[in-house]
Amino acid sequence: MWLYLLKRIALAIAIIAIAVTLLFLMIRAVPGDPAAVLLGPRATPEMKAQLYEKMGLDKPFIMQIATFFGGLLHGNLGFDVFSQRPVADIVFEQLPYTIELIIISILWAVAIAVPLGCYSAMRRNSLIDQVAGIVTVATIAIPSFVVAVYALLIFAVTLRWLPAIGAGNGLWDGLVHLILPGFAIGIGWVGYISRLIRASMLEILSENHIRMARSFGISEWRIVARYALPLAILPTVTILGVGIGWLLSSAVFIEVVFARPGIGALIVNAVNARNYPIVMGTVLVTTFVIVAATTFSDLVNAFLDPRTREKL
């Protein structure tokens, strides 16, 4: 297990290094002069040169990326061009809003999808199974930003049941403000997870050890909960780990629609302003979150099923 853990950590570090290098290349390929965006059309060549020197853009690409990696080893992500605040402080101020949105979205989706998938597998081809299949596939097909817009119009504007924008103040108000954004992101995952649980459960329920448990007179729900679900949930753990990237990308649109603070709004504003340090810091932190979630899901799978340790 420890050897598997070390391999996963080494792979995660390599992925982050490659992602940062590619990001450097892509940012430099974006059309537009960052000095003109930051200083305005009346900026003189001297002012632009000073800004380029301040941002380190006057150095060769190799020196720029080496400087960034050197600062990264010391926990330094650079400084915001406008406020001169450390990028790490700005990013980690916004990150909790996005993390809590993702957690709420996944928790309610899993709470509905897992029992629904188990019941559909136990009552295969029943009316409830067929209706659940149609509804879940429909939820998968609808983009989260479309759900967000219609949820905003119906529940916030027309019915006025829930708040439309912001993150709220305090624990209860914050949870109320999370209902609509969490619903918009999580609704598609109900379909994904329930279909995945159903397919895995159908396969496992036909195996010999399940037939043996039935022969001893154990109730069907106990067989599902104790013997089948721990194995059927393994693909779901993997999907959730890999899906963190999709959740973060969905959060970008959702935070803009609901005017919530978070990583999404931060990176959109930074890209529009050509604020390279904020863009680099934000993408680096989100990449780390994605890699950490994927690594954690692999470790959970390896713990639940030791056979997966031999695949790396």
Protein backbone atom coordinates (compact mmCIF):
# COMPACT_ATOMS: atom_id res chain seq x y z
CA MET A 1 0.00 0.00 0.00
CA TRP A 2 2.82 2.44 0.85
CA LEU A 3 4.57 1.75 -2.45
CA TYR A 4 1.30 2.41 -4.29
CA LEU A 5 0.90 5.67 -2.35
CA LEU A 6 4.41 6.85 -3.28
CA LYS A 7 3.79 6.06 -6.94
CA ARG A 8 0.54 8.02 -6.92
CA ILE A 9 2.20 11.03 -5.25
CA ALA A 10 5.05 11.02 -7.78
CA LEU A 11 2.54 10.82 -10.63
CA ALA A 12 0.55 13.71 -9.12
CA ILE A 13 3.65 15.92 -8.91
CA ALA A 14 4.51 15.16 -12.53
CA ILE A 15 0.97 16.02 -13.67
CA ILE A 16 1.04 19.36 -11.84
CA ALA A 17 4.44 20.26 -13.34
CA ILE A 18 3.23 19.45 -16.86
CA ALA A 19 -0.01 21.38 -16.32
CA VAL A 20 1.86 24.50 -15.13
CA THR A 21 4.22 24.37 -18.12
CA LEU A 22 1.36 24.02 -20.60
CA LEU A 23 -0.49 26.84 -18.88
CA PHE A 24 2.53 29.13 -19.30
CA LEU A 25 2.56 28.37 -23.01
CA MET A 26 -1.19 28.90 -23.45
CA ILE A 27 -1.25 32.19 -21.56
CA ARG A 28 1.56 33.55 -23.73
CA ALA A 29 -0.37 32.47 -26.83
CA VAL A 30 -3.50 34.44 -25.84
CA PRO A 31 -3.84 37.46 -28.16
CA GLY A 32 -3.68 40.90 -26.61
CA ASP A 33 -1.15 43.04 -24.79
CA PRO A 34 -1.49 42.70 -21.00
CA ALA A 35 0.17 46.09 -20.49
CA ALA A 36 -2.40 47.79 -22.74
CA VAL A 37 -5.25 46.10 -20.85
CA LEU A 38 -3.89 46.98 -17.41
CA LEU A 39 -2.64 50.52 -18.14
CA GLY A 40 -5.18 51.62 -20.70
CA PRO A 41 -4.80 53.05 -24.21
CA ARG A 42 -2.86 56.12 -23.03
CA ALA A 43 0.02 54.12 -21.59
CA THR A 44 3.45 55.22 -22.78
CA PRO A 45 6.15 52.75 -23.93
CA GLU A 46 8.08 53.51 -20.74
CA MET A 47 5.09 52.62 -18.56
CA LYS A 48 4.57 49.39 -20.49
CA ALA A 49 8.25 48.48 -20.14
CA GLN A 50 8.10 49.05 -16.37
CA LEU A 51 5.01 46.86 -16.08
CA TYR A 52 6.58 44.10 -18.17
CA GLU A 53 9.64 44.20 -15.93
CA LYS A 54 7.48 44.16 -12.81
CA MET A 55 5.51 41.12 -14.06
CA GLY A 56 8.68 39.40 -15.26
CA LEU A 57 7.43 39.26 -18.86
CA ASP A 58 10.63 40.83 -20.18
CA LYS A 59 12.61 37.69 -19.34
CA PRO A 60 12.94 34.59 -21.56
CA PHE A 61 10.29 31.92 -21.17
CA ILE A 62 12.70 29.48 -19.49
CA MET A 63 13.63 32.05 -16.85
CA GLN A 64 9.97 32.94 -16.27
CA ILE A 65 8.90 29.38 -15.62
CA ALA A 66 12.02 28.65 -13.55
CA THR A 67 11.29 31.71 -11.39
CA PHE A 68 7.69 30.59 -10.93
CA PHE A 69 8.67 27.05 -9.93
CA GLY A 70 11.30 28.45 -7.56
CA GLY A 71 8.70 30.62 -5.86
CA LEU A 72 6.27 27.73 -5.81
CA LEU A 73 8.71 25.63 -3.78
CA HIS A 74 8.67 28.38 -1.16
CA GLY A 75 4.88 28.73 -1.23
CA ASN A 76 4.99 31.95 -3.24
CA LEU A 77 2.50 32.23 -6.11
CA GLY A 78 3.39 35.82 -6.93
CA PHE A 79 1.56 39.11 -6.36
CA ASP A 80 -1.62 40.57 -7.82
CA VAL A 81 -0.86 43.22 -10.42
CA PHE A 82 -3.56 45.60 -9.16
CA SER A 83 -3.62 45.24 -5.37
CA GLN A 84 -0.07 43.94 -4.86
CA ARG A 85 -1.49 41.35 -2.46
CA PRO A 86 -0.07 37.82 -2.47
CA VAL A 87 -1.86 35.65 -5.02
CA ALA A 88 -2.09 32.79 -2.51
CA ASP A 89 -4.10 34.98 -0.10
CA ILE A 90 -6.53 36.01 -2.82
CA VAL A 91 -7.02 32.49 -4.17
CA PHE A 92 -7.46 30.85 -0.78
CA GLU A 93 -9.99 33.51 0.20
CA GLN A 94 -12.19 32.45 -2.72
CA LEU A 95 -11.49 28.71 -2.75
CA PRO A 96 -13.71 27.79 0.26
CA TYR A 97 -16.80 29.18 -1.53
CA THR A 98 -16.18 26.89 -4.51
CA ILE A 99 -15.32 23.87 -2.36
CA GLU A 100 -18.48 24.18 -0.27
CA LEU A 101 -20.55 24.50 -3.46
CA ILE A 102 -19.02 21.32 -4.88
CA ILE A 103 -19.43 19.40 -1.60
CA ILE A 104 -23.11 20.35 -1.28
CA SER A 105 -23.74 19.42 -4.92
CA ILE A 106 -22.15 15.99 -4.56
CA LEU A 107 -23.67 15.18 -1.17
CA TRP A 108 -27.29 15.68 -2.22
CA ALA A 109 -26.69 13.98 -5.58
CA VAL A 110 -25.15 10.90 -3.93
CA ALA A 111 -27.87 10.80 -1.26
CA ILE A 112 -30.51 10.48 -3.99
CA ALA A 113 -28.61 8.58 -6.69
CA VAL A 114 -27.26 5.66 -4.63
CA PRO A 115 -30.64 4.48 -3.22
CA LEU A 116 -32.25 5.12 -6.62
CA GLY A 117 -29.61 3.03 -8.41
CA CYS A 118 -29.90 0.22 -5.88
CA TYR A 119 -33.69 0.16 -6.09
CA SER A 120 -33.62 0.20 -9.90
CA ALA A 121 -31.26 -2.79 -9.89
CA MET A 122 -33.41 -4.69 -7.41
CA ARG A 123 -36.61 -3.96 -9.42
CA ARG A 124 -35.10 -4.32 -12.87
CA ASN A 125 -37.43 -3.45 -15.78
CA SER A 126 -40.20 -2.38 -13.42
CA LEU A 127 -42.19 0.80 -14.02
CA ILE A 128 -40.12 2.71 -11.46
CA ASP A 129 -36.90 1.51 -13.08
CA GLN A 130 -38.04 2.65 -16.52
CA VAL A 131 -39.24 6.05 -15.29
CA ALA A 132 -36.03 6.53 -13.32
CA GLY A 133 -34.01 5.67 -16.42
CA ILE A 134 -35.80 8.27 -18.53
CA VAL A 135 -35.55 11.00 -15.88
CA THR A 136 -31.90 10.37 -15.07
CA VAL A 137 -30.82 10.33 -18.71
CA ALA A 138 -32.72 13.60 -19.21
CA THR A 139 -30.87 15.21 -16.29
CA ILE A 140 -27.54 14.13 -17.75
CA ALA A 141 -28.38 15.73 -21.09
CA ILE A 142 -29.24 19.17 -19.66
CA PRO A 143 -26.18 21.46 -19.14
CA SER A 144 -25.75 22.82 -15.63
CA PHE A 145 -25.79 26.45 -16.73
CA VAL A 146 -29.18 25.93 -18.40
CA VAL A 147 -30.53 24.41 -15.18
CA ALA A 148 -29.04 27.37 -13.27
CA VAL A 149 -30.77 29.97 -15.45
CA TYR A 150 -34.19 28.30 -15.28
CA ALA A 151 -33.88 27.57 -11.56
CA LEU A 152 -33.01 31.22 -11.01
CA LEU A 153 -35.99 32.42 -13.05
CA ILE A 154 -38.49 30.01 -11.46
CA PHE A 155 -37.52 29.76 -7.79
CA ALA A 156 -35.86 33.14 -7.24
CA VAL A 157 -37.55 35.56 -9.66
CA THR A 158 -41.08 34.15 -10.15
CA LEU A 159 -41.80 32.28 -6.90
CA ARG A 160 -39.31 34.21 -4.74
CA TRP A 161 -38.71 31.19 -2.55
CA LEU A 162 -34.92 31.35 -2.62
CA PRO A 163 -32.27 34.08 -2.92
CA ALA A 164 -30.93 34.81 -6.38
CA ILE A 165 -27.38 36.07 -5.88
CA GLY A 166 -24.56 36.14 -3.35
CA ALA A 167 -23.25 33.71 -0.76
CA GLY A 168 -25.24 34.87 2.27
CA ASN A 169 -24.16 35.80 5.78
CA GLY A 170 -23.90 33.22 8.52
CA LEU A 171 -24.33 29.45 8.48
CA TRP A 172 -28.08 29.18 7.81
CA ASP A 173 -28.19 32.02 5.27
CA GLY A 174 -25.16 30.53 3.52
CA LEU A 175 -26.87 27.14 3.25
CA VAL A 176 -30.00 28.76 1.82
CA HIS A 177 -27.90 30.55 -0.81
CA LEU A 178 -26.33 27.21 -1.75
CA ILE A 179 -29.63 25.49 -2.62
CA LEU A 180 -30.06 26.77 -6.17
CA PRO A 181 -26.37 26.64 -7.21
CA GLY A 182 -25.98 23.20 -5.62
CA PHE A 183 -29.11 21.97 -7.39
CA ALA A 184 -27.87 23.26 -10.75
CA ILE A 185 -24.55 21.42 -10.46
CA GLY A 186 -25.75 18.25 -8.74
CA ILE A 187 -28.81 17.43 -10.86
CA GLY A 188 -26.71 15.94 -13.67
CA TRP A 189 -24.73 13.82 -11.21
CA VAL A 190 -27.92 12.17 -9.97
CA GLY A 191 -28.27 10.63 -13.41
CA TYR A 192 -24.61 9.68 -13.76
CA ILE A 193 -24.29 8.06 -10.36
CA SER A 194 -27.65 6.26 -10.34
CA ARG A 195 -27.02 4.73 -13.80
CA LEU A 196 -23.52 3.69 -12.75
CA ILE A 197 -24.72 2.17 -9.48
CA ARG A 198 -27.50 0.31 -11.28
CA ALA A 199 -25.16 -1.18 -13.89
CA SER A 200 -22.58 -2.23 -11.30
CA MET A 201 -25.24 -3.60 -8.97
CA LEU A 202 -26.83 -5.74 -11.70
CA GLU A 203 -23.45 -7.31 -12.42
CA ILE A 204 -22.63 -7.98 -8.78
CA LEU A 205 -26.08 -9.31 -7.86
CA SER A 206 -25.56 -12.14 -10.37
CA GLU A 207 -22.29 -13.32 -8.81
CA ASN A 208 -21.90 -16.54 -6.84
CA HIS A 209 -21.33 -15.05 -3.39
CA ILE A 210 -24.62 -13.14 -3.68
CA ARG A 211 -26.46 -16.34 -4.62
CA MET A 212 -24.84 -17.99 -1.60
CA ALA A 213 -26.06 -15.18 0.67
CA ARG A 214 -29.59 -15.57 -0.69
CA SER A 215 -29.49 -19.32 -0.02
CA PHE A 216 -28.92 -18.57 3.67
CA GLY A 217 -32.14 -16.56 3.78
CA ILE A 218 -30.56 -13.14 4.16
CA SER A 219 -32.93 -10.32 3.22
CA GLU A 220 -32.41 -8.67 -0.15
CA TRP A 221 -31.83 -5.19 1.27
CA ARG A 222 -29.17 -6.52 3.66
CA ILE A 223 -27.45 -8.33 0.79
CA VAL A 224 -27.44 -5.13 -1.23
CA ALA A 225 -26.20 -2.90 1.62
CA ARG A 226 -23.59 -5.24 3.08
CA TYR A 227 -22.31 -7.39 0.22
CA ALA A 228 -23.14 -5.72 -3.10
CA LEU A 229 -22.98 -1.95 -2.54
CA PRO A 230 -19.36 -1.81 -1.25
CA LEU A 231 -18.26 -3.36 -4.55
CA ALA A 232 -20.77 -1.55 -6.77
CA ILE A 233 -19.72 1.85 -5.44
CA LEU A 234 -16.08 1.49 -6.57
CA PRO A 235 -16.69 2.86 -10.10
CA THR A 236 -18.64 5.74 -8.56
CA VAL A 237 -15.69 6.69 -6.35
CA THR A 238 -13.47 6.77 -9.44
CA ILE A 239 -15.97 8.85 -11.41
CA LEU A 240 -16.30 11.35 -8.56
CA GLY A 241 -12.52 11.71 -8.33
CA VAL A 242 -12.12 12.29 -12.05
CA GLY A 243 -15.27 14.43 -12.15
CA ILE A 244 -13.85 17.09 -9.83
CA GLY A 245 -12.49 18.85 -12.91
CA TRP A 246 -15.95 18.84 -14.48
CA LEU A 247 -17.43 20.12 -11.22
CA LEU A 248 -14.93 22.99 -11.07
CA SER A 249 -15.65 23.95 -14.67
CA SER A 250 -19.39 23.88 -13.89
CA ALA A 251 -18.77 26.04 -10.83
CA VAL A 252 -17.24 28.72 -13.09
CA PHE A 253 -20.56 29.20 -14.91
CA ILE A 254 -22.71 28.75 -11.82
CA GLU A 255 -20.79 31.33 -9.79
CA VAL A 256 -21.14 33.83 -12.61
CA VAL A 257 -24.89 33.17 -13.01
CA PHE A 258 -25.59 33.51 -9.28
CA ALA A 259 -22.96 36.23 -8.71
CA ARG A 260 -21.29 34.11 -6.06
CA PRO A 261 -17.73 34.61 -4.88
CA GLY A 262 -15.37 31.77 -5.69
CA ILE A 263 -12.68 30.49 -7.98
CA GLY A 264 -14.91 30.76 -11.06
CA ALA A 265 -15.59 34.46 -10.79
CA LEU A 266 -11.97 35.10 -9.82
CA ILE A 267 -10.49 33.37 -12.86
CA VAL A 268 -12.98 34.94 -15.29
CA ASN A 269 -12.10 38.44 -14.06
CA ALA A 270 -8.38 37.64 -14.11
CA VAL A 271 -8.47 36.36 -17.70
CA ASN A 272 -10.42 39.41 -18.88
CA ALA A 273 -7.87 41.71 -17.20
CA ARG A 274 -4.85 39.67 -18.39
CA ASN A 275 -3.84 39.38 -14.73
CA TYR A 276 -1.29 36.60 -15.27
CA PRO A 277 -0.33 36.00 -11.61
CA ILE A 278 -3.97 35.47 -10.58
CA VAL A 279 -4.61 33.20 -13.58
CA MET A 280 -1.52 31.13 -12.83
CA GLY A 281 -2.28 30.88 -9.12
CA THR A 282 -5.94 30.00 -9.65
CA VAL A 283 -5.29 27.32 -12.27
CA LEU A 284 -2.44 25.88 -10.22
CA VAL A 285 -4.62 25.54 -7.12
CA THR A 286 -7.53 24.04 -9.08
CA THR A 287 -5.13 21.62 -10.79
CA PHE A 288 -3.83 20.58 -7.40
CA VAL A 289 -7.40 20.04 -6.16
CA ILE A 290 -8.23 17.91 -9.21
CA VAL A 291 -5.06 15.82 -8.91
CA ALA A 292 -5.53 15.42 -5.14
CA ALA A 293 -9.15 14.29 -5.61
CA THR A 294 -8.16 11.80 -8.32
CA THR A 295 -5.32 10.45 -6.18
CA PHE A 296 -7.62 10.15 -3.17
CA SER A 297 -10.24 8.25 -5.18
CA ASP A 298 -7.55 5.85 -6.43
CA LEU A 299 -6.35 5.29 -2.87
CA VAL A 300 -9.90 4.59 -1.70
CA ASN A 301 -10.34 2.10 -4.53
CA ALA A 302 -7.01 0.49 -3.66
CA PHE A 303 -8.09 0.19 -0.03
CA LEU A 304 -11.48 -1.32 -0.93
CA ASP A 305 -10.14 -3.53 -3.72
CA PRO A 306 -6.44 -4.53 -3.31
CA ARG A 307 -6.35 -5.82 -6.91
CA THR A 308 -6.21 -2.25 -8.21
CA ARG A 309 -2.82 -1.68 -6.55
CA GLU A 310 -1.21 -3.96 -9.12
CA LYS A 311 -2.36 -1.76 -12.03
CA LEU A 312 0.13 1.04 -11.35
